[in-house]
């Protein structure tokens, strides 16, 4: 599932399914920013947050750890 958290175009760099979650890593060419989205199809909840580009791959493999330690930058939790 692809869900746009903003109106800026972004590119999917990687996607995987693990433990009932779909994890996607995105890159935004507009600001060279990276973000992670974790979608749980069972509940329809999407967790989205920005991550520093140098930590993007680690955040892709360990999204919940990075979410808990996210900086003060905005994040979004959405329910269907």
N, C-alpha and C. Protein backbone atom coordinates (compact mmCIF):
# COMPACT_ATOMS: atom_id res chain seq x y z
N UNK A 1 0.84 -1.17 0.00
CA UNK A 1 0.00 0.00 0.00
C UNK A 1 0.88 1.23 0.00
N UNK A 2 0.55 2.18 -0.81
CA UNK A 2 1.27 3.44 -0.84
C UNK A 2 0.36 4.52 -0.31
N UNK A 3 0.86 5.30 0.63
CA UNK A 3 0.08 6.38 1.23
C UNK A 3 0.93 7.63 1.22
N UNK A 4 0.45 8.68 0.60
CA UNK A 4 1.18 9.93 0.54
C UNK A 4 0.96 10.72 1.82
N UNK A 5 2.05 11.01 2.55
CA UNK A 5 1.94 11.81 3.76
C UNK A 5 2.04 13.29 3.46
N UNK A 6 2.43 13.64 2.24
CA UNK A 6 2.49 15.04 1.84
C UNK A 6 2.21 15.11 0.35
N UNK A 7 2.15 16.33 -0.18
CA UNK A 7 1.87 16.50 -1.59
C UNK A 7 3.13 16.48 -2.44
N UNK A 8 4.29 16.41 -1.82
CA UNK A 8 5.54 16.35 -2.56
C UNK A 8 5.75 14.94 -3.10
N UNK A 9 6.22 14.84 -4.35
CA UNK A 9 6.47 13.50 -4.89
C UNK A 9 7.60 12.82 -4.13
N UNK A 10 7.53 11.53 -4.05
CA UNK A 10 8.58 10.75 -3.40
C UNK A 10 8.73 9.44 -4.13
N UNK A 11 9.83 8.80 -3.88
CA UNK A 11 10.14 7.54 -4.56
C UNK A 11 10.32 6.43 -3.53
N UNK A 12 9.75 5.29 -3.84
CA UNK A 12 9.92 4.13 -2.97
C UNK A 12 11.28 3.53 -3.25
N UNK A 13 12.08 3.41 -2.21
CA UNK A 13 13.41 2.83 -2.35
C UNK A 13 13.43 1.35 -2.01
N UNK A 14 12.59 0.95 -1.04
CA UNK A 14 12.56 -0.45 -0.62
C UNK A 14 11.25 -0.73 0.08
N UNK A 15 10.82 -1.97 -0.01
CA UNK A 15 9.60 -2.40 0.67
C UNK A 15 9.73 -3.85 1.09
N UNK A 16 9.15 -4.15 2.24
CA UNK A 16 9.20 -5.54 2.74
C UNK A 16 8.00 -5.79 3.65
N UNK A 17 7.73 -7.06 3.89
CA UNK A 17 6.67 -7.48 4.80
C UNK A 17 7.33 -8.30 5.90
N UNK A 18 6.98 -7.98 7.16
CA UNK A 18 7.55 -8.69 8.29
C UNK A 18 6.57 -8.66 9.45
N UNK A 19 6.23 -9.82 9.97
CA UNK A 19 5.40 -9.91 11.16
C UNK A 19 4.04 -9.23 11.03
N UNK A 20 3.46 -9.26 9.85
CA UNK A 20 2.15 -8.64 9.65
C UNK A 20 2.21 -7.15 9.38
N UNK A 21 3.41 -6.60 9.19
CA UNK A 21 3.59 -5.18 8.88
C UNK A 21 4.21 -5.04 7.49
N UNK A 22 3.81 -4.00 6.78
CA UNK A 22 4.46 -3.64 5.52
C UNK A 22 5.30 -2.40 5.79
N UNK A 23 6.61 -2.52 5.58
CA UNK A 23 7.54 -1.44 5.85
C UNK A 23 8.05 -0.91 4.52
N UNK A 24 8.00 0.41 4.36
CA UNK A 24 8.44 1.04 3.12
C UNK A 24 9.39 2.19 3.44
N UNK A 25 10.47 2.25 2.67
CA UNK A 25 11.44 3.33 2.76
C UNK A 25 11.25 4.25 1.56
N UNK A 26 11.09 5.55 1.81
CA UNK A 26 10.88 6.53 0.76
C UNK A 26 11.99 7.57 0.75
N UNK A 27 12.22 8.13 -0.44
CA UNK A 27 13.14 9.26 -0.62
C UNK A 27 12.40 10.37 -1.34
N UNK A 28 12.57 11.59 -0.88
CA UNK A 28 11.94 12.75 -1.50
C UNK A 28 13.00 13.57 -2.22
N UNK A 29 12.91 13.66 -3.55
CA UNK A 29 13.90 14.45 -4.29
C UNK A 29 13.79 15.95 -4.01
N UNK A 30 12.64 16.41 -3.57
CA UNK A 30 12.45 17.84 -3.32
C UNK A 30 13.36 18.35 -2.21
N UNK A 31 13.53 17.55 -1.15
CA UNK A 31 14.36 17.99 -0.03
C UNK A 31 15.45 16.98 0.34
N UNK A 32 15.60 15.95 -0.49
CA UNK A 32 16.57 14.88 -0.26
C UNK A 32 16.33 14.18 1.08
N UNK A 33 15.09 14.22 1.55
CA UNK A 33 14.73 13.60 2.82
C UNK A 33 14.31 12.15 2.65
N UNK A 34 14.45 11.39 3.71
CA UNK A 34 14.01 10.00 3.72
C UNK A 34 12.98 9.81 4.82
N UNK A 35 12.09 8.86 4.59
CA UNK A 35 11.04 8.58 5.56
C UNK A 35 10.69 7.11 5.53
N UNK A 36 10.08 6.68 6.61
CA UNK A 36 9.65 5.29 6.78
C UNK A 36 8.14 5.28 7.00
N UNK A 37 7.47 4.32 6.40
CA UNK A 37 6.06 4.06 6.69
C UNK A 37 5.90 2.60 7.08
N UNK A 38 5.17 2.39 8.15
CA UNK A 38 4.85 1.04 8.60
C UNK A 38 3.34 0.93 8.58
N UNK A 39 2.84 0.00 7.79
CA UNK A 39 1.40 -0.21 7.64
C UNK A 39 1.04 -1.58 8.17
N UNK A 40 0.00 -1.63 9.01
CA UNK A 40 -0.51 -2.90 9.50
C UNK A 40 -1.87 -3.12 8.84
N UNK A 41 -1.92 -3.96 7.80
CA UNK A 41 -3.17 -4.18 7.08
C UNK A 41 -4.32 -4.64 7.97
N UNK A 42 -4.02 -5.42 8.99
CA UNK A 42 -5.06 -5.95 9.87
C UNK A 42 -5.86 -4.84 10.56
N UNK A 43 -5.17 -3.77 10.96
CA UNK A 43 -5.84 -2.68 11.66
C UNK A 43 -6.03 -1.45 10.79
N UNK A 44 -5.27 -1.36 9.69
CA UNK A 44 -5.33 -0.20 8.82
C UNK A 44 -4.52 0.98 9.33
N UNK A 45 -3.76 0.78 10.40
CA UNK A 45 -2.96 1.86 10.98
C UNK A 45 -1.65 2.02 10.20
N UNK A 46 -1.31 3.28 9.93
CA UNK A 46 -0.05 3.62 9.27
C UNK A 46 0.75 4.50 10.20
N UNK A 47 1.99 4.14 10.41
CA UNK A 47 2.92 4.92 11.20
C UNK A 47 3.95 5.48 10.22
N UNK A 48 4.10 6.80 10.15
CA UNK A 48 5.02 7.43 9.21
C UNK A 48 5.90 8.42 9.96
N UNK A 49 7.19 8.41 9.65
CA UNK A 49 8.11 9.35 10.28
C UNK A 49 9.33 9.58 9.41
N UNK A 50 9.91 10.77 9.57
CA UNK A 50 11.14 11.12 8.87
C UNK A 50 12.32 10.49 9.57
N UNK A 51 13.35 10.23 8.80
CA UNK A 51 14.57 9.67 9.36
C UNK A 51 15.75 10.28 8.61
N UNK A 52 16.84 10.52 9.32
CA UNK A 52 18.04 11.07 8.69
C UNK A 52 18.52 10.13 7.59
N UNK A 53 18.96 10.67 6.46
CA UNK A 53 19.40 9.81 5.35
C UNK A 53 20.48 8.81 5.74
N UNK A 54 21.38 9.20 6.64
CA UNK A 54 22.44 8.27 7.02
C UNK A 54 21.95 7.15 7.94
N UNK A 55 20.71 7.24 8.40
CA UNK A 55 20.13 6.18 9.25
C UNK A 55 18.95 5.47 8.57
N UNK A 56 18.71 5.82 7.32
CA UNK A 56 17.52 5.32 6.62
C UNK A 56 17.49 3.79 6.50
N UNK A 57 18.59 3.19 6.12
CA UNK A 57 18.60 1.74 5.94
C UNK A 57 18.42 1.02 7.28
N UNK A 58 19.06 1.50 8.32
CA UNK A 58 18.88 0.90 9.64
C UNK A 58 17.43 1.08 10.10
N UNK A 59 16.85 2.26 9.85
CA UNK A 59 15.45 2.50 10.23
C UNK A 59 14.50 1.61 9.44
N UNK A 60 14.86 1.29 8.22
CA UNK A 60 14.06 0.39 7.38
C UNK A 60 14.00 -1.01 8.01
N UNK A 61 15.13 -1.46 8.53
CA UNK A 61 15.18 -2.79 9.14
C UNK A 61 14.73 -2.81 10.60
N UNK A 62 14.76 -1.67 11.27
CA UNK A 62 14.37 -1.57 12.69
C UNK A 62 13.48 -0.34 12.90
N UNK A 63 12.32 -0.30 12.26
CA UNK A 63 11.51 0.93 12.28
C UNK A 63 11.00 1.33 13.66
N UNK A 64 10.65 0.38 14.49
CA UNK A 64 10.07 0.73 15.78
C UNK A 64 11.12 1.33 16.72
N UNK A 65 12.34 0.85 16.66
CA UNK A 65 13.41 1.43 17.45
C UNK A 65 13.64 2.88 17.04
N UNK A 66 13.68 3.12 15.73
CA UNK A 66 13.92 4.47 15.24
C UNK A 66 12.73 5.39 15.52
N UNK A 67 11.54 4.84 15.47
CA UNK A 67 10.38 5.66 15.79
C UNK A 67 10.43 6.12 17.24
N UNK A 68 10.79 5.22 18.14
CA UNK A 68 10.86 5.56 19.56
C UNK A 68 11.94 6.60 19.85
N UNK A 69 12.99 6.58 19.05
CA UNK A 69 14.10 7.51 19.25
C UNK A 69 14.08 8.64 18.22
N UNK A 70 12.95 8.84 17.57
CA UNK A 70 12.85 9.90 16.56
C UNK A 70 13.11 11.25 17.20
N UNK A 71 13.69 12.11 16.40
CA UNK A 71 13.95 13.46 16.90
C UNK A 71 12.64 14.22 17.03
N UNK A 72 12.71 15.48 17.30
CA UNK A 72 11.52 16.30 17.49
C UNK A 72 10.81 16.60 16.18
N UNK A 73 11.31 16.08 15.08
CA UNK A 73 10.66 16.32 13.79
C UNK A 73 9.30 15.66 13.79
N UNK A 74 8.38 16.20 13.00
CA UNK A 74 7.00 15.68 12.99
C UNK A 74 6.92 14.24 12.50
N UNK A 75 6.00 13.51 13.06
CA UNK A 75 5.65 12.17 12.58
C UNK A 75 4.15 12.08 12.54
N UNK A 76 3.67 11.07 11.86
CA UNK A 76 2.23 10.94 11.68
C UNK A 76 1.80 9.52 12.00
N UNK A 77 0.73 9.38 12.73
CA UNK A 77 0.07 8.10 12.93
C UNK A 77 -1.35 8.26 12.39
N UNK A 78 -1.70 7.42 11.44
CA UNK A 78 -3.02 7.53 10.79
C UNK A 78 -3.77 6.23 10.94
N UNK A 79 -5.03 6.30 11.08
CA UNK A 79 -5.89 5.13 11.12
C UNK A 79 -6.85 5.19 9.94
N UNK A 80 -7.19 4.04 9.42
CA UNK A 80 -8.09 3.97 8.27
C UNK A 80 -9.51 4.28 8.69
